[in-house]
């Protein structure tokens, strides 16, 4: 999400591994939406998670829902389809 915020399932959020972060939990039934990515100032969420998109927008994030239908057929998600780098 950002440098201090994590978006996680409730189960993972309560594990203690993110104790140094602000955690936003996925809405019930939308646990798959935790596989999202942020690109610059936009959070990309797979289509089909309307409550997640609304939750993140209510927290001030700019959200774009994208179709991942073909990748999802092979159990792929947004993080699986991304190359991440940081310009120096």
Protein backbone atom coordinates (compact mmCIF):
# COMPACT_ATOMS: atom_id res chain seq x y z
CA UNK A 1 0.00 0.00 0.00
CA UNK A 2 2.57 2.56 1.16
CA UNK A 3 5.67 2.68 3.32
CA UNK A 4 3.71 2.24 6.57
CA UNK A 5 0.56 0.39 5.51
CA UNK A 6 -0.10 -3.26 4.65
CA UNK A 7 -3.28 -4.74 3.16
CA UNK A 8 -3.76 -8.27 4.46
CA UNK A 9 -6.26 -10.99 5.22
CA UNK A 10 -7.53 -10.99 8.82
CA UNK A 11 -5.70 -14.26 9.50
CA UNK A 12 -2.35 -12.86 8.36
CA UNK A 13 -3.00 -9.51 10.07
CA UNK A 14 -3.36 -11.22 13.45
CA UNK A 15 -0.20 -13.31 13.02
CA UNK A 16 1.97 -10.51 14.38
CA UNK A 17 4.26 -10.35 11.37
CA UNK A 18 3.07 -6.81 10.55
CA UNK A 19 3.23 -5.40 14.07
CA UNK A 20 5.29 -2.40 12.89
CA UNK A 21 2.74 -1.42 10.22
CA UNK A 22 -0.76 -0.03 9.95
CA UNK A 23 -2.84 -2.95 8.66
CA UNK A 24 -5.99 -2.69 6.57
CA UNK A 25 -7.83 -6.02 6.52
CA UNK A 26 -9.65 -7.49 3.55
CA UNK A 27 -13.44 -7.49 3.79
CA UNK A 28 -14.99 -10.89 4.61
CA UNK A 29 -15.30 -13.01 1.49
CA UNK A 30 -12.77 -10.90 -0.44
CA UNK A 31 -9.56 -12.40 0.94
CA UNK A 32 -8.26 -12.89 -2.60
CA UNK A 33 -8.13 -9.13 -2.99
CA UNK A 34 -5.04 -9.07 -0.75
CA UNK A 35 -3.10 -9.89 -3.92
CA UNK A 36 -2.96 -6.29 -5.09
CA UNK A 37 -0.16 -3.98 -6.07
CA UNK A 38 0.52 -0.28 -5.90
CA UNK A 39 2.06 1.45 -8.89
CA UNK A 40 3.08 5.01 -8.08
CA UNK A 41 -0.10 6.50 -6.60
CA UNK A 42 -2.55 3.90 -7.94
CA UNK A 43 -3.58 0.69 -6.19
CA UNK A 44 -4.47 -2.03 -8.70
CA UNK A 45 -7.11 -4.49 -7.50
CA UNK A 46 -8.50 -7.42 -9.45
CA UNK A 47 -12.06 -6.93 -10.69
CA UNK A 48 -14.64 -8.71 -8.59
CA UNK A 49 -13.75 -7.16 -5.24
CA UNK A 50 -16.07 -4.16 -4.99
CA UNK A 51 -15.99 -3.91 -1.18
CA UNK A 52 -12.19 -3.88 -1.21
CA UNK A 53 -12.13 -1.12 -3.82
CA UNK A 54 -14.66 0.91 -1.80
CA UNK A 55 -12.74 0.35 1.44
CA UNK A 56 -9.44 1.50 -0.06
CA UNK A 57 -11.06 4.53 -1.70
CA UNK A 58 -12.57 5.48 1.66
CA UNK A 59 -9.04 5.46 3.09
CA UNK A 60 -7.88 7.90 0.40
CA UNK A 61 -6.27 5.52 -2.08
CA UNK A 62 -6.75 5.88 -5.83
CA UNK A 63 -7.99 2.45 -6.93
CA UNK A 64 -8.26 0.91 -10.38
CA UNK A 65 -9.97 -2.45 -10.86
CA UNK A 66 -8.32 -4.55 -13.57
CA UNK A 67 -9.33 -7.78 -15.26
CA UNK A 68 -7.04 -10.72 -14.53
CA UNK A 69 -9.38 -13.43 -15.82
CA UNK A 70 -6.92 -15.31 -18.00
CA UNK A 71 -4.12 -15.27 -15.41
CA UNK A 72 -6.57 -16.30 -12.67
CA UNK A 73 -7.37 -19.46 -14.63
CA UNK A 74 -3.81 -20.56 -13.79
CA UNK A 75 -4.03 -19.25 -10.20
CA UNK A 76 -2.18 -16.07 -11.16
CA UNK A 77 -2.70 -12.76 -9.45
CA UNK A 78 -1.51 -9.20 -9.84
CA UNK A 79 1.72 -9.71 -7.93
CA UNK A 80 2.53 -12.75 -10.10
CA UNK A 81 2.19 -10.63 -13.23
CA UNK A 82 4.33 -7.71 -12.11
CA UNK A 83 7.95 -6.74 -12.44
CA UNK A 84 8.98 -4.42 -9.66
CA UNK A 85 11.98 -2.15 -9.54
CA UNK A 86 13.06 1.06 -7.95
CA UNK A 87 14.78 3.73 -9.98
CA UNK A 88 17.93 5.04 -8.37
